[in-house]
Amino acid sequence: MHAYVYKSQRKTETYIYLARRDDFEAVPESVRAPLAPLSFVLSVELTPERRLAHVDAQQVRAALSERGFFLQLPPSPAQVLAALIQRDDG
């Protein structure tokens, strides 16, 4: 499955993954408007082996199949702390 990733210019570390390039019709206006403008950043093949930096690729694939989009929000402070601790332990 292919995904097209767009970055919010208004909200840091916030991305929308689309099943079809430039097809924002699947994204509700209530989600899209606070994030606009959005800029294209990446086209990626979401194979079962694919690892993404901050989200589970399987969750992205499921959302794209069901809704046509996936919203990636910034990590919470607890998630950032857990990642730092894990990095120091590894």
Protein backbone atom coordinates (compact mmCIF):
# COMPACT_ATOMS: atom_id res chain seq x y z
CA MET A 1 0.00 0.00 0.00
CA HIS A 2 1.23 3.46 -0.88
CA ALA A 3 0.88 6.57 1.31
CA TYR A 4 1.35 10.24 0.58
CA VAL A 5 2.47 12.31 3.56
CA TYR A 6 1.69 15.98 4.12
CA LYS A 7 3.07 18.18 6.88
CA SER A 8 1.04 20.85 8.63
CA GLN A 9 2.60 24.28 8.30
CA ARG A 10 0.61 25.45 11.33
CA LYS A 11 1.04 22.57 13.83
CA THR A 12 4.55 21.24 14.42
CA GLU A 13 5.16 17.51 14.07
CA THR A 14 1.65 16.96 12.69
CA TYR A 15 1.22 14.97 9.49
CA ILE A 16 -1.63 13.64 7.36
CA TYR A 17 -1.12 10.42 5.41
CA LEU A 18 -3.38 9.99 2.37
CA ALA A 19 -4.23 6.89 0.38
CA ARG A 20 -4.28 8.98 -2.84
CA ARG A 21 -2.01 11.91 -3.59
CA ASP A 22 -3.64 15.31 -3.10
CA ASP A 23 -7.03 13.68 -2.32
CA PHE A 24 -8.03 15.66 0.76
CA GLU A 25 -11.73 14.86 0.25
CA ALA A 26 -11.36 11.95 2.70
CA VAL A 27 -10.18 14.31 5.46
CA PRO A 28 -13.02 16.08 7.28
CA GLU A 29 -12.88 19.86 7.10
CA SER A 30 -12.82 19.98 10.92
CA VAL A 31 -9.50 18.08 10.83
CA ARG A 32 -7.99 19.72 7.77
CA ALA A 33 -8.75 23.41 8.46
CA PRO A 34 -6.73 23.82 11.70
CA LEU A 35 -3.71 22.17 10.04
CA ALA A 36 -3.72 24.09 6.74
CA PRO A 37 -1.67 24.88 4.87
CA LEU A 38 -0.35 21.37 4.25
CA SER A 39 2.76 20.67 2.18
CA PHE A 40 3.70 17.39 0.52
CA VAL A 41 6.78 15.81 2.09
CA LEU A 42 6.95 12.11 1.22
CA SER A 43 5.62 9.25 -0.86
CA VAL A 44 6.17 5.92 0.87
CA GLU A 45 5.32 2.27 0.28
CA LEU A 46 3.81 0.84 3.48
CA THR A 47 4.89 -2.79 3.27
CA PRO A 48 4.47 -5.07 6.31
CA GLU A 49 8.23 -4.73 6.92
CA ARG A 50 8.20 -0.93 6.74
CA ARG A 51 9.04 0.86 9.97
CA LEU A 52 8.04 4.46 10.49
CA ALA A 53 9.68 6.85 12.93
CA HIS A 54 6.80 7.72 15.25
CA VAL A 55 3.80 5.61 14.26
CA ASP A 56 2.99 1.98 13.64
CA ALA A 57 2.85 1.33 9.89
CA GLN A 58 0.08 -1.25 10.42
CA GLN A 59 -2.10 1.41 12.07
CA VAL A 60 -1.45 3.75 9.14
CA ARG A 61 -2.36 1.04 6.61
CA ALA A 62 -5.57 0.21 8.50
CA ALA A 63 -6.63 3.87 8.69
CA LEU A 64 -5.88 4.43 5.01
CA SER A 65 -7.98 1.40 4.08
CA GLU A 66 -10.89 2.36 6.34
CA ARG A 67 -10.95 6.18 6.13
CA GLY A 68 -8.55 7.17 3.34
CA PHE A 69 -6.33 9.15 5.73
CA PHE A 70 -4.27 8.89 8.92
CA LEU A 71 -3.51 11.79 11.26
CA GLN A 72 -0.13 11.70 13.00
CA LEU A 73 0.02 14.03 16.01
CA PRO A 74 3.16 15.11 17.87
CA PRO A 75 4.37 12.73 20.56
CA SER A 76 3.28 13.49 24.11
CA PRO A 77 5.92 14.47 26.69
CA ALA A 78 5.55 10.98 28.23
CA GLN A 79 6.28 9.36 24.85
CA VAL A 80 9.35 11.56 24.34
CA LEU A 81 10.65 10.69 27.80
CA ALA A 82 10.05 6.95 27.26
CA ALA A 83 11.92 7.10 23.94
CA LEU A 84 14.88 8.87 25.57
CA ILE A 85 15.02 6.33 28.39
CA GLN A 86 14.81 3.44 25.92
CA ARG A 87 17.57 4.96 23.79
CA ASP A 88 19.86 5.33 26.82
CA ASP A 89 19.17 1.72 27.89
CA GLY A 90 19.77 0.30 24.40
